[in-house]
C-alpha atoms as a PDB file:
ATOM      1  CA  MET A   1     133.063 148.877  96.736  1.00  0.00           C
ATOM      2  CA  ARG A   2     135.609 147.873  94.088  1.00  0.00           C
ATOM      3  CA  ASN A   3     134.546 145.950  91.006  1.00  0.00           C
ATOM      4  CA  ARG A   4     135.480 142.286  91.132  1.00  0.00           C
ATOM      5  CA  SER A   5     136.123 140.576  87.799  1.00  0.00           C
ATOM      6  CA  PHE A   6     135.764 136.857  87.165  1.00  0.00           C
ATOM      7  CA  GLY A   7     134.853 134.478  84.409  1.00  0.00           C
ATOM      8  CA  ASN A   8     132.839 136.283  81.759  1.00  0.00           C
ATOM      9  CA  GLY A   9     131.471 139.024  83.984  1.00  0.00           C
ATOM     10  CA  VAL A  10     132.203 141.803  86.442  1.00  0.00           C
ATOM     11  CA  ILE A  11     130.741 141.901  89.913  1.00  0.00           C
ATOM     12  CA  ALA A  12     131.013 144.512  92.639  1.00  0.00           C
ATOM     13  CA  GLY A  13     131.001 142.079  95.550  1.00  0.00           C
ATOM     14  CA  VAL A  14     129.365 139.013  97.058  1.00  0.00           C
ATOM     15  CA  THR A  15     129.589 140.325 100.613  1.00  0.00           C
ATOM     16  CA  VAL A  16     126.396 142.358 100.386  1.00  0.00           C
ATOM     17  CA  VAL A  17     124.551 143.293 103.562  1.00  0.00           C
ATOM     18  CA  ALA A  18     121.620 140.957 102.867  1.00  0.00           C
ATOM     19  CA  LEU A  19     123.957 137.963 102.838  1.00  0.00           C
ATOM     20  CA  CYS A  20     126.126 138.778 105.850  1.00  0.00           C
ATOM     21  CA  THR A  21     124.114 140.514 108.559  1.00  0.00           C
ATOM     22  CA  GLY A  22     124.038 137.487 110.850  1.00  0.00           C
ATOM     23  CA  ALA A  23     120.299 137.794 111.432  1.00  0.00           C
ATOM     24  CA  TRP A  24     120.049 134.773 113.715  1.00  0.00           C
ATOM     25  CA  LEU A  25     122.940 135.857 115.942  1.00  0.00           C
ATOM     26  CA  LEU A  26     121.531 139.370 116.161  1.00  0.00           C
ATOM     27  CA  ARG A  27     118.154 137.961 117.178  1.00  0.00           C
ATOM     28  CA  SER A  28     119.426 135.373 119.650  1.00  0.00           C
ATOM     29  CA  GLY A  29     122.376 137.336 120.996  1.00  0.00           C
ATOM     30  CA  ALA A  30     124.340 134.095 121.167  1.00  0.00           C
ATOM     31  CA  GLU A  31     127.785 134.328 119.560  1.00  0.00           C
ATOM     32  CA  THR A  32     128.451 130.790 120.791  1.00  0.00           C
ATOM     33  CA  HIS A  33     126.254 129.676 117.888  1.00  0.00           C
ATOM     34  CA  ALA A  34     128.546 131.211 115.269  1.00  0.00           C
ATOM     35  CA  PRO A  35     129.182 128.899 112.289  1.00  0.00           C
ATOM     36  CA  PRO A  36     132.414 126.879 111.971  1.00  0.00           C
ATOM     37  CA  GLN A  37     135.424 128.505 110.339  1.00  0.00           C
ATOM     38  CA  PRO A  38     138.060 126.705 108.230  1.00  0.00           C
ATOM     39  CA  SER A  39     141.398 125.890 109.837  1.00  0.00           C
ATOM     40  CA  ALA A  40     144.748 126.807 108.324  1.00  0.00           C
ATOM     41  CA  ALA A  41     145.150 123.154 107.325  1.00  0.00           C
ATOM     42  CA  GLN A  42     142.338 123.538 104.777  1.00  0.00           C
ATOM     43  CA  ALA A  43     143.915 126.520 103.010  1.00  0.00           C
ATOM     44  CA  HIS A  44     145.799 126.346  99.732  1.00  0.00           C
ATOM     45  CA  SER A  45     149.204 124.711  99.969  1.00  0.00           C
ATOM     46  CA  ARG A  46     152.125 127.143  99.970  1.00  0.00           C
ATOM     47  CA  THR A  47     153.717 124.970  97.289  1.00  0.00           C
ATOM     48  CA  GLY A  48     150.764 125.587  94.995  1.00  0.00           C
ATOM     49  CA  GLY A  49     149.768 121.929  94.772  1.00  0.00           C
ATOM     50  CA  THR A  50     146.213 120.980  93.827  1.00  0.00           C
ATOM     51  CA  ALA A  51     144.242 118.628  96.021  1.00  0.00           C
ATOM     52  CA  GLY A  52     142.076 115.860  94.695  1.00  0.00           C
ATOM     53  CA  ARG A  53     142.139 113.990  91.411  1.00  0.00           C
ATOM     54  CA  ALA A  54     143.266 115.468  88.141  1.00  0.00           C
ATOM     55  CA  GLY A  55     140.776 117.537  86.220  1.00  0.00           C
ATOM     56  CA  VAL A  56     138.561 116.124  83.457  1.00  0.00           C
ATOM     57  CA  PRO A  57     137.368 117.647  80.179  1.00  0.00           C
ATOM     58  CA  ALA A  58     134.955 120.538  80.481  1.00  0.00           C
ATOM     59  CA  LEU A  59     131.228 120.058  80.001  1.00  0.00           C
ATOM     60  CA  PRO A  60     129.124 122.120  77.608  1.00  0.00           C
ATOM     61  CA  PRO A  61     127.258 125.050  79.171  1.00  0.00           C
ATOM     62  CA  SER A  62     124.103 124.115  81.071  1.00  0.00           C
ATOM     63  CA  PRO A  63     122.387 125.964  83.939  1.00  0.00           C
ATOM     64  CA  PRO A  64     122.538 124.239  87.350  1.00  0.00           C
ATOM     65  CA  ASP A  65     119.442 123.218  89.291  1.00  0.00           C
ATOM     66  CA  ARG A  66     120.769 121.725  92.549  1.00  0.00           C
ATOM     67  CA  VAL A  67     123.898 121.476  94.700  1.00  0.00           C
ATOM     68  CA  ARG A  68     124.831 118.656  97.065  1.00  0.00           C
ATOM     69  CA  ILE A  69     127.737 118.618  99.509  1.00  0.00           C
ATOM     70  CA  PRO A  70     127.376 115.271 101.315  1.00  0.00           C
ATOM     71  CA  ALA A  71     130.137 115.891 103.876  1.00  0.00           C
ATOM     72  CA  ILE A  72     128.178 118.755 105.463  1.00  0.00           C
ATOM     73  CA  GLY A  73     124.636 117.649 104.633  1.00  0.00           C
ATOM     74  CA  VAL A  74     123.865 120.211 101.932  1.00  0.00           C
ATOM     75  CA  ASP A  75     121.188 119.251  99.408  1.00  0.00           C
ATOM     76  CA  ALA A  76     119.618 122.406  98.047  1.00  0.00           C
ATOM     77  CA  PRO A  77     117.972 123.820  94.937  1.00  0.00           C
ATOM     78  CA  LEU A  78     119.712 126.624  93.066  1.00  0.00           C
ATOM     79  CA  MET A  79     118.205 129.839  91.764  1.00  0.00           C
ATOM     80  CA  GLY A  80     119.767 132.244  89.301  1.00  0.00           C
ATOM     81  CA  LEU A  81     121.339 135.369  90.784  1.00  0.00           C
ATOM     82  CA  ALA A  82     121.787 138.626  88.904  1.00  0.00           C
ATOM     83  CA  LEU A  83     123.524 141.861  89.832  1.00  0.00           C
ATOM     84  CA  THR A  84     121.806 144.600  91.813  1.00  0.00           C
ATOM     85  CA  ARG A  85     121.693 148.190  90.582  1.00  0.00           C
ATOM     86  CA  SER A  86     124.815 148.883  92.634  1.00  0.00           C
ATOM     87  CA  GLY A  87     126.650 146.099  90.802  1.00  0.00           C
ATOM     88  CA  SER A  88     126.777 143.633  93.684  1.00  0.00           C
ATOM     89  CA  LEU A  89     125.566 140.044  93.485  1.00  0.00           C
ATOM     90  CA  ASP A  90     121.977 139.608  94.571  1.00  0.00           C
ATOM     91  CA  VAL A  91     121.165 136.898  97.117  1.00  0.00           C
ATOM     92  CA  PRO A  92     118.461 134.240  97.569  1.00  0.00           C
ATOM     93  CA  PRO A  93     115.437 135.236  99.675  1.00  0.00           C
ATOM     94  CA  ALA A  94     116.509 135.157 103.319  1.00  0.00           C
ATOM     95  CA  GLY A  95     113.330 133.374 104.363  1.00  0.00           C
ATOM     96  CA  ARG A  96     114.187 130.275 102.304  1.00  0.00           C
ATOM     97  CA  LYS A  97     117.049 128.867 104.348  1.00  0.00           C
ATOM     98  CA  ASN A  98     117.642 125.785 102.179  1.00  0.00           C
ATOM     99  CA  LEU A  99     118.157 127.697  98.935  1.00  0.00           C
ATOM    100  CA  ALA A 100     121.402 128.703  97.261  1.00  0.00           C
ATOM    101  CA  GLY A 101     122.102 130.675  94.116  1.00  0.00           C
ATOM    102  CA  TRP A 102     124.490 130.844  91.201  1.00  0.00           C
ATOM    103  CA  TYR A 103     125.680 133.831  89.169  1.00  0.00           C
ATOM    104  CA  GLU A 104     123.710 133.189  86.009  1.00  0.00           C
ATOM    105  CA  ALA A 105     125.475 135.752  83.827  1.00  0.00           C
ATOM    106  CA  GLY A 106     128.788 133.977  84.385  1.00  0.00           C
ATOM    107  CA  THR A 107     130.184 130.492  83.890  1.00  0.00           C
ATOM    108  CA  THR A 108     127.867 127.520  84.418  1.00  0.00           C
ATOM    109  CA  PRO A 109     129.262 124.834  86.763  1.00  0.00           C
ATOM    110  CA  GLY A 110     131.183 122.282  84.711  1.00  0.00           C
ATOM    111  CA  GLU A 111     132.189 124.437  81.762  1.00  0.00           C
ATOM    112  CA  THR A 112     135.621 126.035  81.463  1.00  0.00           C
ATOM    113  CA  GLY A 113     135.960 129.016  83.768  1.00  0.00           C
ATOM    114  CA  THR A 114     135.071 130.000  87.317  1.00  0.00           C
ATOM    115  CA  ALA A 115     131.470 129.309  88.357  1.00  0.00           C
ATOM    116  CA  ILE A 116     130.092 131.023  91.463  1.00  0.00           C
ATOM    117  CA  LEU A 117     127.597 129.687  94.022  1.00  0.00           C
ATOM    118  CA  ALA A 118     126.504 131.764  97.016  1.00  0.00           C
ATOM    119  CA  GLY A 119     124.105 131.300  99.898  1.00  0.00           C
ATOM    120  CA  HIS A 120     123.191 132.467 103.362  1.00  0.00           C
ATOM    121  CA  VAL A 121     124.973 131.188 106.440  1.00  0.00           C
ATOM    122  CA  ASP A 122     121.916 131.909 108.603  1.00  0.00           C
ATOM    123  CA  ASN A 123     118.649 133.783 108.722  1.00  0.00           C
ATOM    124  CA  ALA A 124     116.445 135.080 111.537  1.00  0.00           C
ATOM    125  CA  GLU A 125     115.291 131.546 112.371  1.00  0.00           C
ATOM    126  CA  GLY A 126     118.698 129.828 112.584  1.00  0.00           C
ATOM    127  CA  PRO A 127     121.311 128.135 110.386  1.00  0.00           C
ATOM    128  CA  ALA A 128     120.830 128.358 106.628  1.00  0.00           C
ATOM    129  CA  VAL A 129     122.081 126.380 103.628  1.00  0.00           C
ATOM    130  CA  PHE A 130     125.825 127.083 103.967  1.00  0.00           C
ATOM    131  CA  TYR A 131     126.065 127.286 107.774  1.00  0.00           C
ATOM    132  CA  ASP A 132     128.604 124.440 107.908  1.00  0.00           C
ATOM    133  CA  LEU A 133     130.614 125.471 104.844  1.00  0.00           C
ATOM    134  CA  GLY A 134     133.599 126.389 107.014  1.00  0.00           C
ATOM    135  CA  ALA A 135     133.778 122.796 108.268  1.00  0.00           C
ATOM    136  CA  LEU A 136     134.300 121.384 104.764  1.00  0.00           C
ATOM    137  CA  ARG A 137     137.655 119.695 104.158  1.00  0.00           C
ATOM    138  CA  LYS A 138     140.010 119.284 101.218  1.00  0.00           C
ATOM    139  CA  GLY A 139     139.095 116.338  99.024  1.00  0.00           C
ATOM    140  CA  SER A 140     135.376 116.555  99.763  1.00  0.00           C
ATOM    141  CA  ALA A 141     132.929 116.213  96.870  1.00  0.00           C
ATOM    142  CA  ILE A 142     130.497 118.825  95.579  1.00  0.00           C
ATOM    143  CA  GLU A 143     127.853 117.650  93.126  1.00  0.00           C
ATOM    144  CA  VAL A 144     125.892 119.999  90.896  1.00  0.00           C
ATOM    145  CA  ASP A 145     122.817 118.787  89.000  1.00  0.00           C
ATOM    146  CA  ARG A 146     122.592 120.488  85.626  1.00  0.00           C
ATOM    147  CA  ARG A 147     119.559 121.153  83.487  1.00  0.00           C
ATOM    148  CA  ASP A 148     120.861 118.951  80.666  1.00  0.00           C
ATOM    149  CA  GLY A 149     120.553 115.925  82.973  1.00  0.00           C
ATOM    150  CA  SER A 150     124.254 115.637  83.805  1.00  0.00           C
ATOM    151  CA  VAL A 151     125.859 115.906  87.233  1.00  0.00           C
ATOM    152  CA  ALA A 152     129.113 117.850  87.529  1.00  0.00           C
ATOM    153  CA  VAL A 153     131.312 116.473  90.319  1.00  0.00           C
ATOM    154  CA  PHE A 154     133.886 118.781  91.870  1.00  0.00           C
ATOM    155  CA  THR A 155     136.679 118.043  94.361  1.00  0.00           C
ATOM    156  CA  VAL A 156     137.506 120.632  97.037  1.00  0.00           C
ATOM    157  CA  ASP A 157     141.028 122.051  96.725  1.00  0.00           C
ATOM    158  CA  ALA A 158     140.884 124.473  99.648  1.00  0.00           C
ATOM    159  CA  VAL A 159     138.583 126.212 102.115  1.00  0.00           C
ATOM    160  CA  GLU A 160     139.681 129.677 103.182  1.00  0.00           C
ATOM    161  CA  VAL A 161     138.298 132.630 105.131  1.00  0.00           C
ATOM    162  CA  TYR A 162     138.927 136.274 104.266  1.00  0.00           C
ATOM    163  CA  ASP A 163     138.260 139.577 105.950  1.00  0.00           C
ATOM    164  CA  ALA A 164     135.987 141.718 103.789  1.00  0.00           C
ATOM    165  CA  LYS A 165     138.551 144.537 103.729  1.00  0.00           C
ATOM    166  CA  ASN A 166     141.241 142.246 102.309  1.00  0.00           C
ATOM    167  CA  PHE A 167     139.195 140.062  99.983  1.00  0.00           C
ATOM    168  CA  PRO A 168     141.455 138.609  97.213  1.00  0.00           C
ATOM    169  CA  ASP A 169     139.265 139.390  94.224  1.00  0.00           C
ATOM    170  CA  GLU A 170     141.453 137.905  91.510  1.00  0.00           C
ATOM    171  CA  LYS A 171     142.179 134.733  93.479  1.00  0.00           C
ATOM    172  CA  VAL A 172     138.501 134.053  94.081  1.00  0.00           C
ATOM    173  CA  TYR A 173     136.840 135.381  90.939  1.00  0.00           C
ATOM    174  CA  GLY A 174     139.636 135.301  88.359  1.00  0.00           C
ATOM    175  CA  ALA A 175     139.140 133.439  85.085  1.00  0.00           C
ATOM    176  CA  ALA A 176     140.348 129.826  84.970  1.00  0.00           C
ATOM    177  CA  ASN A 177     141.524 127.631  82.091  1.00  0.00           C
ATOM    178  CA  ARG A 178     139.689 124.598  83.479  1.00  0.00           C
ATOM    179  CA  PRO A 179     136.252 124.088  85.083  1.00  0.00           C
ATOM    180  CA  GLU A 180     136.416 125.511  88.612  1.00  0.00           C
ATOM    181  CA  LEU A 181     133.852 126.281  91.276  1.00  0.00           C
ATOM    182  CA  ARG A 182     133.671 128.752  94.150  1.00  0.00           C
ATOM    183  CA  VAL A 183     131.110 128.353  96.939  1.00  0.00           C
ATOM    184  CA  ILE A 184     130.780 131.451  99.100  1.00  0.00           C
ATOM    185  CA  THR A 185     129.040 132.391 102.319  1.00  0.00           C
ATOM    186  CA  CYS A 186     129.674 134.685 105.264  1.00  0.00           C
ATOM    187  CA  GLY A 187     132.248 134.141 107.983  1.00  0.00           C
ATOM    188  CA  GLY A 188     135.465 135.556 109.320  1.00  0.00           C
ATOM    189  CA  GLY A 189     134.173 136.364 112.772  1.00  0.00           C
ATOM    190  CA  TYR A 190     131.042 138.180 113.862  1.00  0.00           C
ATOM    191  CA  SER A 191     130.238 141.570 115.351  1.00  0.00           C
ATOM    192  CA  ARG A 192     126.777 142.586 116.572  1.00  0.00           C
ATOM    193  CA  SER A 193     127.333 146.045 115.110  1.00  0.00           C
ATOM    194  CA  THR A 194     128.431 145.014 111.614  1.00  0.00           C
ATOM    195  CA  GLY A 195     127.472 141.348 111.203  1.00  0.00           C
ATOM    196  CA  TYR A 196     129.961 138.881 109.738  1.00  0.00           C
ATOM    197  CA  ARG A 197     133.369 140.384 109.025  1.00  0.00           C
ATOM    198  CA  GLY A 198     134.176 138.462 105.859  1.00  0.00           C
ATOM    199  CA  ASN A 199     133.597 135.371 103.781  1.00  0.00           C
ATOM    200  CA  VAL A 200     134.265 131.644 103.751  1.00  0.00           C
ATOM    201  CA  VAL A 201     135.256 130.551 100.240  1.00  0.00           C
ATOM    202  CA  VAL A 202     135.480 126.985  98.949  1.00  0.00           C
ATOM    203  CA  PHE A 203     137.761 126.384  95.947  1.00  0.00           C
ATOM    204  CA  ALA A 204     137.045 123.279  93.855  1.00  0.00           C
ATOM    205  CA  HIS A 205     137.662 121.896  90.365  1.00  0.00           C
ATOM    206  CA  LEU A 206     135.801 119.462  88.130  1.00  0.00           C
ATOM    207  CA  THR A 207     136.902 115.847  88.608  1.00  0.00           C
ATOM    208  CA  GLY A 208     134.015 113.871  87.128  1.00  0.00           C
ATOM    209  CA  ASN A 209     130.533 113.812  85.687  1.00  0.00           C
ATOM    210  CA  ARG A 210     127.690 111.381  85.230  1.00  0.00           C
END
């Protein structure tokens, strides 16, 4: 797997087997329960325009503790994620379906750069924390509680889905000159033999804090 560079670190890939096996679909045998996927209308504009309000000044570094995405009912604690020995991003324990993680060696949400959140789409028991991520729409809010007591508020610019073989590393993980956020889970279709074929990626930028 190729190294993927972003922010202040290098990562071999978020699409590790533990995150994208589709455990629930394998167990139930019901592809009709596959999670929603983003439509073309939610992708980045071909003109390069940015959705949502203008950006605001960056916040000082502070680890995140919780993420909320009201439009899809997400309200979950965050744990720190490191890299595995193979260089890929580790994942939250599969048994804790309402738990997401952030890449703690990289940018913290709200400071200048690209911060990364990742979580399971399902586990053996059913939908997990980011099951509905593909249904998120441009302009939606993402709130991240930070350990310093502040809340970083992001506005969604785009929601896109990529095949694992054609994942745009630089687009997703590349360094940014403003506070940006990526929220990643599995998607891109499902095969019983290989699990999910790719990833759903939410692109957002900081538009407020409180």
